[in-house]
C-alpha cells in the first residue's frame, strides 16, 4: 500500500516494522484483533489499532495523514520519472527527424 525509495527501506522498517498498514478501518480492526495475528495496525488515514484494545489517532478533517502524503509523493515521483522518459524519447525522435530532413534537403 505504501511505496518508497530503496534508500528509505531501513527507516520504513524501523517505523512500521511490526505494524500492519491497512486500507480501511474494518481491515485494520480485523487484523489487530484476530486471535492468530494480534498485531498493531494503522490505516492510511492514520487510525491506529492496538491489540490491547486502544484506538488512537485518526485523520483530522483539515490535515491529511502522513502515510497518504507519502503515497502521493511516491506516485508523483513515479509519474515525474515517466514524463521525463517520455520527454527524452520525444527529443530523440525529433533529433532523428531533423537529421532525416537535413539529409533529404541535401539530396534536392
PDB file of N, CA and C in Angstrom:
ATOM      1  N   UNK A   1       0.804  -1.206   0.000  1.00  0.00           N
ATOM      2  CA  UNK A   1       0.000   0.000   0.000  1.00  0.00           C
ATOM      3  C   UNK A   1       0.837   1.255   0.000  1.00  0.00           C
ATOM      4  N   UNK A   2       2.008   1.152   0.579  1.00  0.00           N
ATOM      5  CA  UNK A   2       2.868   2.321   0.670  1.00  0.00           C
ATOM      6  C   UNK A   2       4.129   2.059  -0.130  1.00  0.00           C
ATOM      7  N   UNK A   3       4.413   2.934  -1.068  1.00  0.00           N
ATOM      8  CA  UNK A   3       5.633   2.817  -1.842  1.00  0.00           C
ATOM      9  C   UNK A   3       6.676   3.775  -1.295  1.00  0.00           C
ATOM     10  N   UNK A   4       7.941   3.410  -1.459  1.00  0.00           N
ATOM     11  CA  UNK A   4       9.021   4.277  -1.010  1.00  0.00           C
ATOM     12  C   UNK A   4      10.293   3.879  -1.745  1.00  0.00           C
ATOM     13  N   UNK A   5      11.219   4.805  -1.783  1.00  0.00           N
ATOM     14  CA  UNK A   5      12.500   4.567  -2.436  1.00  0.00           C
ATOM     15  C   UNK A   5      13.319   3.560  -1.620  1.00  0.00           C
ATOM     16  N   UNK A   6      14.194   2.838  -2.284  1.00  0.00           N
ATOM     17  CA  UNK A   6      15.035   1.843  -1.611  1.00  0.00           C
ATOM     18  C   UNK A   6      15.879   2.455  -0.498  1.00  0.00           C
ATOM     19  N   UNK A   7      16.297   3.695  -0.682  1.00  0.00           N
ATOM     20  CA  UNK A   7      17.148   4.330   0.326  1.00  0.00           C
ATOM     21  C   UNK A   7      16.408   4.576   1.643  1.00  0.00           C
ATOM     22  N   UNK A   8      15.070   4.517   1.626  1.00  0.00           N
ATOM     23  CA  UNK A   8      14.273   4.716   2.838  1.00  0.00           C
ATOM     24  C   UNK A   8      13.888   3.401   3.511  1.00  0.00           C
ATOM     25  N   UNK A   9      14.337   2.290   2.975  1.00  0.00           N
ATOM     26  CA  UNK A   9      13.923   0.983   3.474  1.00  0.00           C
ATOM     27  C   UNK A   9      14.177   0.809   4.967  1.00  0.00           C
ATOM     28  N   UNK A  10      15.364   1.152   5.424  1.00  0.00           N
ATOM     29  CA  UNK A  10      15.699   0.985   6.845  1.00  0.00           C
ATOM     30  C   UNK A  10      14.788   1.827   7.734  1.00  0.00           C
ATOM     31  N   UNK A  11      14.548   3.060   7.330  1.00  0.00           N
ATOM     32  CA  UNK A  11      13.683   3.942   8.124  1.00  0.00           C
ATOM     33  C   UNK A  11      12.257   3.419   8.158  1.00  0.00           C
ATOM     34  N   UNK A  12      11.752   2.964   7.023  1.00  0.00           N
ATOM     35  CA  UNK A  12      10.382   2.448   6.960  1.00  0.00           C
ATOM     36  C   UNK A  12      10.258   1.173   7.803  1.00  0.00           C
ATOM     37  N   UNK A  13      11.263   0.316   7.782  1.00  0.00           N
ATOM     38  CA  UNK A  13      11.223  -0.892   8.599  1.00  0.00           C
ATOM     39  C   UNK A  13      11.268  -0.546  10.078  1.00  0.00           C
ATOM     40  N   UNK A  14      12.038   0.466  10.428  1.00  0.00           N
ATOM     41  CA  UNK A  14      12.114   0.888  11.825  1.00  0.00           C
ATOM     42  C   UNK A  14      10.766   1.432  12.300  1.00  0.00           C
ATOM     43  N   UNK A  15      10.147   2.271  11.482  1.00  0.00           N
ATOM     44  CA  UNK A  15       8.884   2.906  11.870  1.00  0.00           C
ATOM     45  C   UNK A  15       7.714   1.941  11.809  1.00  0.00           C
ATOM     46  N   UNK A  16       7.648   1.130  10.740  1.00  0.00           N
ATOM     47  CA  UNK A  16       6.473   0.293  10.517  1.00  0.00           C
ATOM     48  C   UNK A  16       6.757  -1.201  10.590  1.00  0.00           C
ATOM     49  N   UNK A  17       7.932  -1.584  11.045  1.00  0.00           N
ATOM     50  CA  UNK A  17       8.350  -2.977  11.023  1.00  0.00           C
ATOM     51  C   UNK A  17       7.391  -3.959  11.669  1.00  0.00           C
ATOM     52  N   UNK A  18       6.784  -3.595  12.774  1.00  0.00           N
ATOM     53  CA  UNK A  18       5.874  -4.521  13.461  1.00  0.00           C
ATOM     54  C   UNK A  18       4.435  -4.032  13.392  1.00  0.00           C
ATOM     55  N   UNK A  19       4.131  -3.214  12.401  1.00  0.00           N
ATOM     56  CA  UNK A  19       2.802  -2.648  12.250  1.00  0.00           C
ATOM     57  C   UNK A  19       2.258  -2.971  10.866  1.00  0.00           C
ATOM     58  N   UNK A  20       1.011  -3.425  10.813  1.00  0.00           N
ATOM     59  CA  UNK A  20       0.358  -3.637   9.532  1.00  0.00           C
ATOM     60  C   UNK A  20      -0.246  -2.325   9.070  1.00  0.00           C
ATOM     61  N   UNK A  21      -0.101  -2.021   7.799  1.00  0.00           N
ATOM     62  CA  UNK A  21      -0.724  -0.840   7.215  1.00  0.00           C
ATOM     63  C   UNK A  21      -1.919  -1.338   6.416  1.00  0.00           C
ATOM     64  N   UNK A  22      -3.095  -0.811   6.741  1.00  0.00           N
ATOM     65  CA  UNK A  22      -4.336  -1.291   6.142  1.00  0.00           C
ATOM     66  C   UNK A  22      -5.058  -0.165   5.403  1.00  0.00           C
ATOM     67  N   UNK A  23      -5.808  -0.552   4.388  1.00  0.00           N
ATOM     68  CA  UNK A  23      -6.593   0.400   3.602  1.00  0.00           C
ATOM     69  C   UNK A  23      -7.728   1.020   4.409  1.00  0.00           C
ATOM     70  N   UNK A  24      -8.448   0.195   5.141  1.00  0.00           N
ATOM     71  CA  UNK A  24      -9.675   0.653   5.793  1.00  0.00           C
ATOM     72  C   UNK A  24      -9.662   0.360   7.294  1.00  0.00           C
ATOM     73  N   UNK A  25     -10.583   1.027   7.985  1.00  0.00           N
ATOM     74  CA  UNK A  25     -10.763   0.774   9.420  1.00  0.00           C
ATOM     75  C   UNK A  25     -11.138  -0.689   9.663  1.00  0.00           C
ATOM     76  N   UNK A  26     -12.038  -1.205   8.845  1.00  0.00           N
ATOM     77  CA  UNK A  26     -12.504  -2.587   9.009  1.00  0.00           C
ATOM     78  C   UNK A  26     -11.348  -3.576   8.874  1.00  0.00           C
ATOM     79  N   UNK A  27     -10.501  -3.369   7.861  1.00  0.00           N
ATOM     80  CA  UNK A  27      -9.340  -4.255   7.676  1.00  0.00           C
ATOM     81  C   UNK A  27      -8.404  -4.181   8.877  1.00  0.00           C
ATOM     82  N   UNK A  28      -8.132  -2.961   9.333  1.00  0.00           N
ATOM     83  CA  UNK A  28      -7.226  -2.774  10.474  1.00  0.00           C
ATOM     84  C   UNK A  28      -7.788  -3.451  11.725  1.00  0.00           C
ATOM     85  N   UNK A  29      -9.067  -3.296  11.935  1.00  0.00           N
ATOM     86  CA  UNK A  29      -9.711  -3.905  13.106  1.00  0.00           C
ATOM     87  C   UNK A  29      -9.621  -5.430  13.041  1.00  0.00           C
ATOM     88  N   UNK A  30      -9.888  -5.998  11.866  1.00  0.00           N
ATOM     89  CA  UNK A  30      -9.831  -7.457  11.718  1.00  0.00           C
ATOM     90  C   UNK A  30      -8.418  -7.982  11.955  1.00  0.00           C
ATOM     91  N   UNK A  31      -7.427  -7.299  11.415  1.00  0.00           N
ATOM     92  CA  UNK A  31      -6.041  -7.740  11.569  1.00  0.00           C
ATOM     93  C   UNK A  31      -5.613  -7.659  13.033  1.00  0.00           C
ATOM     94  N   UNK A  32      -5.904  -6.518  13.648  1.00  0.00           N
ATOM     95  CA  UNK A  32      -5.435  -6.283  15.008  1.00  0.00           C
ATOM     96  C   UNK A  32      -6.029  -7.258  16.015  1.00  0.00           C
ATOM     97  N   UNK A  33      -7.319  -7.528  15.892  1.00  0.00           N
ATOM     98  CA  UNK A  33      -7.995  -8.318  16.916  1.00  0.00           C
ATOM     99  C   UNK A  33      -8.205  -9.786  16.542  1.00  0.00           C
ATOM    100  N   UNK A  34      -7.672 -10.209  15.401  1.00  0.00           N
ATOM    101  CA  UNK A  34      -7.735 -11.629  15.038  1.00  0.00           C
ATOM    102  C   UNK A  34      -6.809 -12.385  15.980  1.00  0.00           C
ATOM    103  N   UNK A  35      -7.300 -13.437  16.598  1.00  0.00           N
ATOM    104  CA  UNK A  35      -6.534 -14.188  17.608  1.00  0.00           C
ATOM    105  C   UNK A  35      -5.240 -14.765  17.037  1.00  0.00           C
ATOM    106  N   UNK A  36      -5.203 -14.991  15.711  1.00  0.00           N
ATOM    107  CA  UNK A  36      -3.996 -15.541  15.090  1.00  0.00           C
ATOM    108  C   UNK A  36      -2.964 -14.464  14.776  1.00  0.00           C
ATOM    109  N   UNK A  37      -3.386 -13.211  14.774  1.00  0.00           N
ATOM    110  CA  UNK A  37      -2.488 -12.127  14.382  1.00  0.00           C
ATOM    111  C   UNK A  37      -2.126 -11.249  15.577  1.00  0.00           C
ATOM    112  N   UNK A  38      -3.117 -10.590  16.157  1.00  0.00           N
ATOM    113  CA  UNK A  38      -2.941  -9.733  17.339  1.00  0.00           C
ATOM    114  C   UNK A  38      -1.725  -8.805  17.202  1.00  0.00           C
ATOM    115  N   UNK A  39      -1.735  -8.012  16.143  1.00  0.00           N
ATOM    116  CA  UNK A  39      -0.630  -7.103  15.854  1.00  0.00           C
ATOM    117  C   UNK A  39      -1.161  -5.707  15.607  1.00  0.00           C
ATOM    118  N   UNK A  40      -0.395  -4.724  16.041  1.00  0.00           N
ATOM    119  CA  UNK A  40      -0.758  -3.318  15.862  1.00  0.00           C
ATOM    120  C   UNK A  40      -0.970  -3.032  14.375  1.00  0.00           C
ATOM    121  N   UNK A  41      -1.954  -2.182  14.057  1.00  0.00           N
ATOM    122  CA  UNK A  41      -2.183  -1.796  12.674  1.00  0.00           C
ATOM    123  C   UNK A  41      -2.543  -0.319  12.604  1.00  0.00           C
ATOM    124  N   UNK A  42      -2.328   0.242  11.428  1.00  0.00           N
ATOM    125  CA  UNK A  42      -2.653   1.647  11.187  1.00  0.00           C
ATOM    126  C   UNK A  42      -3.292   1.756   9.809  1.00  0.00           C
ATOM    127  N   UNK A  43      -4.287   2.621   9.695  1.00  0.00           N
ATOM    128  CA  UNK A  43      -4.945   2.831   8.403  1.00  0.00           C
ATOM    129  C   UNK A  43      -4.220   3.930   7.643  1.00  0.00           C
ATOM    130  N   UNK A  44      -4.500   4.026   6.369  1.00  0.00           N
ATOM    131  CA  UNK A  44      -3.903   5.078   5.557  1.00  0.00           C
ATOM    132  C   UNK A  44      -4.330   6.465   6.026  1.00  0.00           C
ATOM    133  N   UNK A  45      -5.470   6.541   6.699  1.00  0.00           N
ATOM    134  CA  UNK A  45      -5.918   7.840   7.213  1.00  0.00           C
ATOM    135  C   UNK A  45      -5.384   8.131   8.609  1.00  0.00           C
ATOM    136  N   UNK A  46      -4.608   7.208   9.184  1.00  0.00           N
ATOM    137  CA  UNK A  46      -3.924   7.482  10.438  1.00  0.00           C
ATOM    138  C   UNK A  46      -4.531   6.882  11.690  1.00  0.00           C
ATOM    139  N   UNK A  47      -5.609   6.119  11.586  1.00  0.00           N
ATOM    140  CA  UNK A  47      -6.190   5.471  12.762  1.00  0.00           C
ATOM    141  C   UNK A  47      -5.291   4.307  13.175  1.00  0.00           C
ATOM    142  N   UNK A  48      -5.000   4.218  14.460  1.00  0.00           N
ATOM    143  CA  UNK A  48      -4.111   3.174  14.970  1.00  0.00           C
ATOM    144  C   UNK A  48      -4.902   2.235  15.870  1.00  0.00           C
ATOM    145  N   UNK A  49      -4.824   0.942  15.582  1.00  0.00           N
ATOM    146  CA  UNK A  49      -5.450  -0.086  16.417  1.00  0.00           C
ATOM    147  C   UNK A  49      -4.350  -0.862  17.120  1.00  0.00           C
ATOM    148  N   UNK A  50      -4.555  -1.128  18.386  1.00  0.00           N
ATOM    149  CA  UNK A  50      -3.584  -1.870  19.169  1.00  0.00           C
ATOM    150  C   UNK A  50      -4.292  -3.069  19.783  1.00  0.00           C
ATOM    151  N   UNK A  51      -3.659  -4.240  19.806  1.00  0.00           N
ATOM    152  CA  UNK A  51      -4.320  -5.427  20.355  1.00  0.00           C
ATOM    153  C   UNK A  51      -4.740  -5.272  21.823  1.00  0.00           C
ATOM    154  N   UNK A  52      -4.160  -4.303  22.532  1.00  0.00           N
ATOM    155  CA  UNK A  52      -4.553  -4.092  23.923  1.00  0.00           C
ATOM    156  C   UNK A  52      -5.941  -3.470  24.020  1.00  0.00           C
ATOM    157  N   UNK A  53      -6.491  -3.091  22.873  1.00  0.00           N
ATOM    158  CA  UNK A  53      -7.857  -2.577  22.858  1.00  0.00           C
ATOM    159  C   UNK A  53      -7.968  -1.086  22.637  1.00  0.00           C
ATOM    160  N   UNK A  54      -6.849  -0.415  22.448  1.00  0.00           N
ATOM    161  CA  UNK A  54      -6.918   1.028  22.257  1.00  0.00           C
ATOM    162  C   UNK A  54      -7.030   1.392  20.783  1.00  0.00           C
ATOM    163  N   UNK A  55      -7.718   2.476  20.521  1.00  0.00           N
ATOM    164  CA  UNK A  55      -7.829   3.047  19.186  1.00  0.00           C
ATOM    165  C   UNK A  55      -7.404   4.494  19.330  1.00  0.00           C
ATOM    166  N   UNK A  56      -6.394   4.900  18.594  1.00  0.00           N
ATOM    167  CA  UNK A  56      -5.925   6.271  18.704  1.00  0.00           C
ATOM    168  C   UNK A  56      -5.832   6.908  17.338  1.00  0.00           C
ATOM    169  N   UNK A  57      -5.662   8.213  17.347  1.00  0.00           N
ATOM    170  CA  UNK A  57      -5.397   8.940  16.119  1.00  0.00           C
ATOM    171  C   UNK A  57      -6.617   9.162  15.281  1.00  0.00           C
ATOM    172  N   UNK A  58      -6.415   8.952  14.028  1.00  0.00           N
ATOM    173  CA  UNK A  58      -7.453   9.257  13.065  1.00  0.00           C
ATOM    174  C   UNK A  58      -7.090  10.541  12.362  1.00  0.00           C
ATOM    175  N   UNK A  59      -7.525  10.648  11.146  1.00  0.00           N
ATOM    176  CA  UNK A  59      -7.200  11.843  10.374  1.00  0.00           C
ATOM    177  C   UNK A  59      -8.035  13.012  10.845  1.00  0.00           C
ATOM    178  N   UNK A  60      -7.394  14.141  10.969  1.00  0.00           N
ATOM    179  CA  UNK A  60      -8.124  15.363  11.284  1.00  0.00           C
ATOM    180  C   UNK A  60      -8.745  15.868   9.999  1.00  0.00           C
ATOM    181  N   UNK A  61      -9.910  16.458  10.068  1.00  0.00           N
ATOM    182  CA  UNK A  61     -10.595  16.886   8.850  1.00  0.00           C
ATOM    183  C   UNK A  61      -9.758  17.779   7.931  1.00  0.00           C
ATOM    184  N   UNK A  62      -8.926  18.646   8.477  1.00  0.00           N
ATOM    185  CA  UNK A  62      -8.177  19.566   7.643  1.00  0.00           C
ATOM    186  C   UNK A  62      -6.726  19.144   7.464  1.00  0.00           C
ATOM    187  N   UNK A  63      -6.342  18.022   7.992  1.00  0.00           N
ATOM    188  CA  UNK A  63      -4.955  17.586   7.911  1.00  0.00           C
ATOM    189  C   UNK A  63      -4.916  16.166   7.346  1.00  0.00           C
ATOM    190  N   UNK A  64      -4.138  15.990   6.280  1.00  0.00           N
ATOM    191  CA  UNK A  64      -4.011  14.653   5.691  1.00  0.00           C
ATOM    192  C   UNK A  64      -3.009  13.840   6.490  1.00  0.00           C
ATOM    193  N   UNK A  65      -3.231  12.564   6.525  1.00  0.00           N
ATOM    194  CA  UNK A  65      -2.314  11.660   7.231  1.00  0.00           C
ATOM    195  C   UNK A  65      -0.985  11.587   6.498  1.00  0.00           C
ATOM    196  N   UNK A  66       0.068  11.386   7.243  1.00  0.00           N
ATOM    197  CA  UNK A  66       1.414  11.349   6.651  1.00  0.00           C
ATOM    198  C   UNK A  66       1.565  10.173   5.690  1.00  0.00           C
ATOM    199  N   UNK A  67       0.917   9.063   5.976  1.00  0.00           N
ATOM    200  CA  UNK A  67       1.022   7.915   5.071  1.00  0.00           C
ATOM    201  C   UNK A  67       0.418   8.228   3.710  1.00  0.00           C
ATOM    202  N   UNK A  68      -0.704   8.932   3.709  1.00  0.00           N
ATOM    203  CA  UNK A  68      -1.313   9.323   2.441  1.00  0.00           C
ATOM    204  C   UNK A  68      -0.407  10.283   1.680  1.00  0.00           C
ATOM    205  N   UNK A  69       0.205  11.199   2.397  1.00  0.00           N
ATOM    206  CA  UNK A  69       1.115  12.149   1.755  1.00  0.00           C
ATOM    207  C   UNK A  69       2.339  11.428   1.186  1.00  0.00           C
ATOM    208  N   UNK A  70       2.865  10.455   1.925  1.00  0.00           N
ATOM    209  CA  UNK A  70       3.996   9.676   1.423  1.00  0.00           C
ATOM    210  C   UNK A  70       3.623   8.933   0.151  1.00  0.00           C
ATOM    211  N   UNK A  71       2.437   8.348   0.137  1.00  0.00           N
ATOM    212  CA  UNK A  71       1.987   7.622  -1.042  1.00  0.00           C
ATOM    213  C   UNK A  71       1.796   8.568  -2.218  1.00  0.00           C
ATOM    214  N   UNK A  72       1.208   9.731  -1.977  1.00  0.00           N
ATOM    215  CA  UNK A  72       1.026  10.721  -3.034  1.00  0.00           C
ATOM    216  C   UNK A  72       2.372  11.166  -3.584  1.00  0.00           C
ATOM    217  N   UNK A  73       3.328  11.395  -2.689  1.00  0.00           N
ATOM    218  CA  UNK A  73       4.660  11.804  -3.115  1.00  0.00           C
ATOM    219  C   UNK A  73       5.307  10.728  -3.982  1.00  0.00           C
ATOM    220  N   UNK A  74       5.197   9.486  -3.558  1.00  0.00           N
ATOM    221  CA  UNK A  74       5.772   8.379  -4.316  1.00  0.00           C
ATOM    222  C   UNK A  74       5.135   8.300  -5.705  1.00  0.00           C
ATOM    223  N   UNK A  75       3.812   8.436  -5.770  1.00  0.00           N
ATOM    224  CA  UNK A  75       3.115   8.384  -7.060  1.00  0.00           C
ATOM    225  C   UNK A  75       3.533   9.543  -7.955  1.00  0.00           C
ATOM    226  N   UNK A  76       3.696  10.721  -7.374  1.00  0.00           N
ATOM    227  CA  UNK A  76       4.147  11.884  -8.150  1.00  0.00           C
ATOM    228  C   UNK A  76       5.555  11.676  -8.681  1.00  0.00           C
ATOM    229  N   UNK A  77       6.426  11.100  -7.849  1.00  0.00           N
ATOM    230  CA  UNK A  77       7.788  10.833  -8.291  1.00  0.00           C
ATOM    231  C   UNK A  77       7.796   9.828  -9.441  1.00  0.00           C
ATOM    232  N   UNK A  78       6.971   8.805  -9.342  1.00  0.00           N
ATOM    233  CA  UNK A  78       6.892   7.811 -10.422  1.00  0.00           C
ATOM    234  C   UNK A  78       6.377   8.454 -11.707  1.00  0.00           C
ATOM    235  N   UNK A  79       5.343   9.268 -11.587  1.00  0.00           N
ATOM    236  CA  UNK A  79       4.780   9.947 -12.754  1.00  0.00           C
ATOM    237  C   UNK A  79       5.806  10.895 -13.364  1.00  0.00           C
ATOM    238  N   UNK A  80       6.545  11.593 -12.521  1.00  0.00           N
ATOM    239  CA  UNK A  80       7.578  12.514 -12.997  1.00  0.00           C
ATOM    240  C   UNK A  80       8.656  11.766 -13.776  1.00  0.00           C
ATOM    241  N   UNK A  81       9.075  10.615 -13.274  1.00  0.00           N
ATOM    242  CA  UNK A  81      10.084   9.814 -13.966  1.00  0.00           C
ATOM    243  C   UNK A  81       9.565   9.343 -15.318  1.00  0.00           C
ATOM    244  N   UNK A  82       8.293   8.950 -15.371  1.00  0.00           N
ATOM    245  CA  UNK A  82       7.706   8.513 -16.637  1.00  0.00           C
ATOM    246  C   UNK A  82       7.657   9.672 -17.637  1.00  0.00           C
ATOM    247  N   UNK A  83       7.272  10.852 -17.168  1.00  0.00           N
ATOM    248  CA  UNK A  83       7.185  12.021 -18.046  1.00  0.00           C
ATOM    249  C   UNK A  83       8.566  12.422 -18.558  1.00  0.00           C
ATOM    250  N   UNK A  84       9.581  12.341 -17.695  1.00  0.00           N
ATOM    251  CA  UNK A  84      10.938  12.650 -18.130  1.00  0.00           C
ATOM    252  C   UNK A  84      11.417  11.663 -19.189  1.00  0.00           C
ATOM    253  N   UNK A  85      11.064  10.400 -19.019  1.00  0.00           N
ATOM    254  CA  UNK A  85      11.443   9.394 -20.010  1.00  0.00           C
ATOM    255  C   UNK A  85      10.735   9.659 -21.332  1.00  0.00           C
ATOM    256  N   UNK A  86       9.455  10.027 -21.271  1.00  0.00           N
ATOM    257  CA  UNK A  86       8.712  10.364 -22.493  1.00  0.00           C
ATOM    258  C   UNK A  86       9.345  11.564 -23.197  1.00  0.00           C
ATOM    259  N   UNK A  87       9.725  12.573 -22.413  1.00  0.00           N
ATOM    260  CA  UNK A  87      10.375  13.753 -22.979  1.00  0.00           C
ATOM    261  C   UNK A  87      11.688  13.372 -23.649  1.00  0.00           C
ATOM    262  N   UNK A  88      12.467  12.545 -22.987  1.00  0.00           N
ATOM    263  CA  UNK A  88      13.740  12.078 -23.551  1.00  0.00           C
ATOM    264  C   UNK A  88      13.499  11.342 -24.869  1.00  0.00           C
ATOM    265  N   UNK A  89      12.514  10.448 -24.889  1.00  0.00           N
ATOM    266  CA  UNK A  89      12.195   9.687 -26.100  1.00  0.00           C
ATOM    267  C   UNK A  89      11.743  10.608 -27.230  1.00  0.00           C
ATOM    268  N   UNK A  90      10.921  11.602 -26.907  1.00  0.00           N
ATOM    269  CA  UNK A  90      10.449  12.540 -27.919  1.00  0.00           C
ATOM    270  C   UNK A  90      11.598  13.386 -28.465  1.00  0.00           C
ATOM    271  N   UNK A  91      12.500  13.804 -27.593  1.00  0.00           N
ATOM    272  CA  UNK A  91      13.656  14.575 -28.061  1.00  0.00           C
ATOM    273  C   UNK A  91      14.532  13.751 -29.004  1.00  0.00           C
ATOM    274  N   UNK A  92      14.705  12.471 -28.696  1.00  0.00           N
ATOM    275  CA  UNK A  92      15.473  11.593 -29.582  1.00  0.00           C
ATOM    276  C   UNK A  92      14.777  11.469 -30.939  1.00  0.00           C
ATOM    277  N   UNK A  93      13.460  11.343 -30.910  1.00  0.00           N
ATOM    278  CA  UNK A  93      12.693  11.215 -32.145  1.00  0.00           C
ATOM    279  C   UNK A  93      12.781  12.504 -32.976  1.00  0.00           C
ATOM    280  N   UNK A  94      12.725  13.655 -32.307  1.00  0.00           N
ATOM    281  CA  UNK A  94      12.855  14.936 -33.006  1.00  0.00           C
ATOM    282  C   UNK A  94      14.227  15.051 -33.648  1.00  0.00           C
ATOM    283  N   UNK A  95      15.268  14.676 -32.915  1.00  0.00           N
ATOM    284  CA  UNK A  95      16.626  14.717 -33.469  1.00  0.00           C
ATOM    285  C   UNK A  95      16.739  13.840 -34.709  1.00  0.00           C
ATOM    286  N   UNK A  96      16.159  12.651 -34.655  1.00  0.00           N
ATOM    287  CA  UNK A  96      16.206  11.735 -35.786  1.00  0.00           C
ATOM    288  C   UNK A  96      15.475  12.323 -36.995  1.00  0.00           C
ATOM    289  N   UNK A  97      14.316  12.909 -36.751  1.00  0.00           N
ATOM    290  CA  UNK A  97      13.541  13.520 -37.839  1.00  0.00           C
ATOM    291  C   UNK A  97      14.298  14.699 -38.444  1.00  0.00           C
ATOM    292  N   UNK A  98      14.929  15.505 -37.606  1.00  0.00           N
ATOM    293  CA  UNK A  98      15.700  16.643 -38.098  1.00  0.00           C
ATOM    294  C   UNK A  98      16.884  16.186 -38.951  1.00  0.00           C
ATOM    295  N   UNK A  99      17.538  15.109 -38.545  1.00  0.00           N
ATOM    296  CA  UNK A  99      18.649  14.577 -39.331  1.00  0.00           C
ATOM    297  C   UNK A  99      18.166  14.081 -40.686  1.00  0.00           C
ATOM    298  N   UNK A 100      17.042  13.391 -40.697  1.00  0.00           N
ATOM    299  CA  UNK A 100      16.493  12.882 -41.959  1.00  0.00           C
ATOM    300  C   UNK A 100      16.052  14.041 -42.852  1.00  0.00           C
ATOM    301  N   UNK A 101      15.478  15.076 -42.247  1.00  0.00           N
ATOM    302  CA  UNK A 101      15.063  16.243 -43.026  1.00  0.00           C
ATOM    303  C   UNK A 101      16.282  16.923 -43.636  1.00  0.00           C
ATOM    304  N   UNK A 102      17.343  17.001 -42.882  1.00  0.00           N
ATOM    305  CA  UNK A 102      18.582  17.604 -43.387  1.00  0.00           C
ATOM    306  C   UNK A 102      19.155  16.773 -44.530  1.00  0.00           C
ATOM    307  N   UNK A 103      19.159  15.460 -44.369  1.00  0.00           N
ATOM    308  CA  UNK A 103      19.653  14.567 -45.429  1.00  0.00           C
ATOM    309  C   UNK A 103      18.795  14.709 -46.677  1.00  0.00           C
ATOM    310  N   UNK A 104      17.499  14.818 -46.528  1.00  0.00           N
ATOM    311  CA  UNK A 104      16.565  14.961 -47.658  1.00  0.00           C
ATOM    312  C   UNK A 104      16.808  16.282 -48.370  1.00  0.00           C
ATOM    313  N   UNK A 105      17.043  17.348 -47.583  1.00  0.00           N
ATOM    314  CA  UNK A 105      17.290  18.668 -48.174  1.00  0.00           C
ATOM    315  C   UNK A 105      18.585  18.660 -48.994  1.00  0.00           C
ATOM    316  N   UNK A 106      19.575  17.899 -48.563  1.00  0.00           N
ATOM    317  CA  UNK A 106      20.844  17.825 -49.289  1.00  0.00           C
ATOM    318  C   UNK A 106      20.696  17.060 -50.599  1.00  0.00           C
ATOM    319  N   UNK A 107      19.716  16.159 -50.688  1.00  0.00           N
ATOM    320  CA  UNK A 107      19.502  15.381 -51.900  1.00  0.00           C
ATOM    321  C   UNK A 107      18.871  16.234 -52.998  1.00  0.00           C
ATOM    322  N   UNK A 108      18.170  17.292 -52.657  1.00  0.00           N
ATOM    323  CA  UNK A 108      17.486  18.131 -53.642  1.00  0.00           C
ATOM    324  C   UNK A 108      18.448  18.892 -54.478  1.00  0.00           C
TER     325      UNK A 108
END
